[in-house]
Amino acid sequence: MLCRGVRGATTVRSNSREDILEEARKLLALMIRFNGIEAEDVASAIFTLTRDLNAEFPALAARQLGWLDVPLLCGYEVEVPGALQRCVRILVHWNTQKAQDEIVHVYINEARKLRPDLSKIPPVDFDELERWICEHMEQHEFAVAGKDLRRQMSITPTPAAPEGDSQGADAS
């Protein structure tokens, strides 16, 4: 099995948490569905934003869709004069048997300008896509809360040593 990159980009209407998450979920859902991506086959994903967006981490959209164990990273795009603004990009590192030319990269909204050669995607029923997103969010809502709780429960604080007592203190 090879690790392939699946790219995508979109734009958002405003620098709001809701807009960033809505468009990031929509973009990631299209990438997942057009390529048949299963979370357990994803090595990692990188989410970037243009510097005019800072209201939310776009990677939260992946968590909301059930990618609870996938390593995710957010960062800023390089600022280039005249570059597309209010843009969210995703690069998924996916373990697959598909050939490179079988990968469907997804560019939607104003981000189609970035790669016109890759912007020809099959027709999308966005109402149906939104239902799919909602189902996945509902399905994984309990899992996300449960995973946070398990993480909190697995953290056991080390009792502090009394002042002046060096026993039990880590000397390394």
Protein backbone atom coordinates (compact mmCIF):
# COMPACT_ATOMS: atom_id res chain seq x y z
CA MET A 1 0.00 0.00 0.00
CA LEU A 2 1.31 3.44 -0.92
CA CYS A 3 0.85 6.75 0.85
CA ARG A 4 -0.79 9.26 -1.50
CA GLY A 5 -1.54 12.94 -1.03
CA VAL A 6 -5.11 14.11 -1.51
CA ARG A 7 -5.38 17.87 -1.84
CA GLY A 8 -8.25 20.24 -1.50
CA ALA A 9 -9.04 23.90 -0.96
CA THR A 10 -12.05 26.10 -0.36
CA THR A 11 -12.84 29.65 0.63
CA VAL A 12 -15.00 30.92 3.47
CA ARG A 13 -17.39 33.87 3.57
CA SER A 14 -16.01 35.36 6.79
CA ASN A 15 -13.52 34.87 9.60
CA SER A 16 -16.04 33.15 11.85
CA ARG A 17 -15.83 29.83 13.64
CA GLU A 18 -19.04 28.67 11.95
CA ASP A 19 -17.90 29.55 8.41
CA ILE A 20 -14.46 27.99 8.82
CA LEU A 21 -15.85 24.73 10.23
CA GLU A 22 -18.73 24.52 7.75
CA GLU A 23 -16.49 24.92 4.71
CA ALA A 24 -13.71 22.69 6.11
CA ARG A 25 -16.26 19.93 6.83
CA LYS A 26 -17.75 20.28 3.35
CA LEU A 27 -14.32 20.14 1.70
CA LEU A 28 -13.12 17.17 3.75
CA ALA A 29 -16.42 15.31 3.22
CA LEU A 30 -16.05 15.71 -0.55
CA MET A 31 -12.44 14.51 -0.41
CA ILE A 32 -13.52 11.47 1.65
CA ARG A 33 -16.46 10.58 -0.54
CA PHE A 34 -14.86 11.10 -3.97
CA ASN A 35 -11.87 8.96 -2.98
CA GLY A 36 -13.42 6.39 -0.63
CA ILE A 37 -11.15 7.41 2.26
CA GLU A 38 -11.53 5.53 5.56
CA ALA A 39 -10.12 7.19 8.68
CA GLU A 40 -8.08 4.11 9.62
CA ASP A 41 -6.15 4.44 6.34
CA VAL A 42 -5.18 8.08 6.92
CA ALA A 43 -1.59 8.60 8.07
CA SER A 44 -2.08 12.31 8.84
CA ALA A 45 -3.65 15.51 7.56
CA ILE A 46 -2.43 19.08 7.34
CA PHE A 47 -4.85 22.00 7.36
CA THR A 48 -3.72 25.50 6.43
CA LEU A 49 -5.40 28.88 6.47
CA THR A 50 -4.60 32.22 5.00
CA ARG A 51 -3.59 34.74 7.66
CA ASP A 52 -6.94 36.53 7.49
CA LEU A 53 -8.57 33.49 9.14
CA ASN A 54 -8.01 32.80 12.84
CA ALA A 55 -11.43 32.21 14.40
CA GLU A 56 -11.05 28.41 14.62
CA PHE A 57 -8.73 25.49 13.91
CA PRO A 58 -10.00 23.93 10.67
CA ALA A 59 -8.77 20.50 11.82
CA LEU A 60 -11.67 20.46 14.28
CA ALA A 61 -13.85 19.66 11.25
CA ALA A 62 -12.02 16.33 10.88
CA ARG A 63 -12.60 15.50 14.54
CA GLN A 64 -16.28 16.33 14.11
CA LEU A 65 -16.43 13.84 11.22
CA GLY A 66 -14.89 11.08 13.35
CA TRP A 67 -11.17 11.35 12.66
CA LEU A 68 -10.38 10.93 16.35
CA ASP A 69 -7.11 9.01 16.03
CA VAL A 70 -5.70 10.70 12.92
CA PRO A 71 -2.75 13.04 13.57
CA LEU A 72 -3.81 16.52 12.46
CA LEU A 73 -1.84 19.75 12.10
CA CYS A 74 -2.89 23.33 11.38
CA GLY A 75 -0.73 26.11 10.02
CA TYR A 76 -0.70 29.30 7.99
CA GLU A 77 -0.07 29.57 4.27
CA VAL A 78 2.83 31.64 2.99
CA GLU A 79 1.69 35.23 2.47
CA VAL A 80 2.12 36.03 -1.20
CA PRO A 81 0.93 39.42 -2.47
CA GLY A 82 -2.26 39.04 -4.50
CA ALA A 83 -2.89 35.45 -3.33
CA LEU A 84 -6.41 34.15 -2.72
CA GLN A 85 -7.76 35.25 0.67
CA ARG A 86 -10.05 33.50 3.21
CA CYS A 87 -8.75 30.15 1.96
CA VAL A 88 -8.62 26.82 3.79
CA ARG A 89 -6.45 24.05 2.34
CA ILE A 90 -6.22 20.38 3.30
CA LEU A 91 -3.58 17.80 2.46
CA VAL A 92 -4.48 14.25 3.51
CA HIS A 93 -1.74 11.59 3.57
CA TRP A 94 -3.70 8.46 2.70
CA ASN A 95 -2.57 4.83 2.54
CA THR A 96 -4.23 3.39 -0.56
CA GLN A 97 -3.87 1.00 -3.46
CA LYS A 98 -5.07 3.70 -5.87
CA ALA A 99 -2.71 5.03 -8.52
CA GLN A 100 -1.80 8.71 -8.37
CA ASP A 101 -3.94 9.50 -11.41
CA GLU A 102 -7.00 7.95 -9.70
CA ILE A 103 -6.90 10.42 -6.80
CA VAL A 104 -9.63 13.08 -6.89
CA HIS A 105 -8.39 16.44 -5.61
CA VAL A 106 -11.15 18.85 -4.61
CA TYR A 107 -11.16 22.60 -5.17
CA ILE A 108 -14.44 24.39 -4.48
CA ASN A 109 -15.82 27.91 -4.15
CA GLU A 110 -13.29 30.60 -5.08
CA ALA A 111 -10.43 28.09 -4.57
CA ARG A 112 -11.23 26.65 -8.00
CA LYS A 113 -9.03 29.48 -9.30
CA LEU A 114 -6.01 27.85 -7.64
CA ARG A 115 -6.14 24.71 -9.76
CA PRO A 116 -8.59 25.02 -12.66
CA ASP A 117 -7.16 21.76 -14.02
CA LEU A 118 -8.30 19.93 -10.85
CA SER A 119 -11.56 21.78 -10.30
CA LYS A 120 -13.71 19.58 -12.52
CA ILE A 121 -15.39 17.38 -9.93
CA PRO A 122 -18.49 15.25 -10.47
CA PRO A 123 -21.83 16.96 -9.79
CA VAL A 124 -22.56 17.31 -6.07
CA ASP A 125 -25.92 17.25 -4.34
CA PHE A 126 -24.97 19.64 -1.53
CA ASP A 127 -28.21 18.95 0.39
CA GLU A 128 -27.37 15.25 0.45
CA LEU A 129 -23.77 16.06 1.37
CA GLU A 130 -24.97 18.19 4.30
CA ARG A 131 -27.16 15.28 5.51
CA TRP A 132 -24.11 12.97 5.32
CA ILE A 133 -22.04 15.47 7.32
CA CYS A 134 -24.78 15.82 9.96
CA GLU A 135 -25.10 12.03 10.29
CA HIS A 136 -21.35 11.67 10.79
CA MET A 137 -21.24 14.50 13.31
CA GLU A 138 -24.11 12.95 15.30
CA GLN A 139 -22.55 9.51 15.07
CA HIS A 140 -19.21 10.74 16.40
CA GLU A 141 -20.43 13.35 18.90
CA PHE A 142 -20.52 10.80 21.74
CA ALA A 143 -17.20 9.30 20.64
CA VAL A 144 -15.50 12.71 20.75
CA ALA A 145 -16.87 13.46 24.22
CA GLY A 146 -15.94 9.97 25.41
CA LYS A 147 -12.40 10.22 24.04
CA ASP A 148 -11.89 13.57 25.81
CA LEU A 149 -13.15 12.02 29.03
CA ARG A 150 -10.83 9.00 28.63
CA ARG A 151 -7.88 11.33 28.07
CA GLN A 152 -8.76 13.35 31.16
CA MET A 153 -9.15 10.19 33.24
CA SER A 154 -5.80 8.78 32.08
CA ILE A 155 -3.97 11.85 33.36
CA THR A 156 -3.12 11.23 36.96
CA PRO A 157 -1.43 14.14 38.70
CA THR A 158 1.76 13.39 40.57
CA PRO A 159 1.48 14.49 44.19
CA ALA A 160 3.71 17.48 44.89
CA ALA A 161 6.55 16.91 47.33
CA PRO A 162 6.45 19.11 50.43
CA GLU A 163 8.61 22.24 50.20
CA GLY A 164 12.22 21.48 50.90
CA ASP A 165 11.70 17.72 50.38
CA SER A 166 13.74 16.58 47.40
CA GLN A 167 12.65 12.96 47.68
CA GLY A 168 10.36 12.02 44.85
CA ALA A 169 11.44 15.03 42.82
CA ASP A 170 12.69 14.23 39.36
CA ALA A 171 16.34 15.21 39.20
CA SER A 172 16.72 14.70 35.48
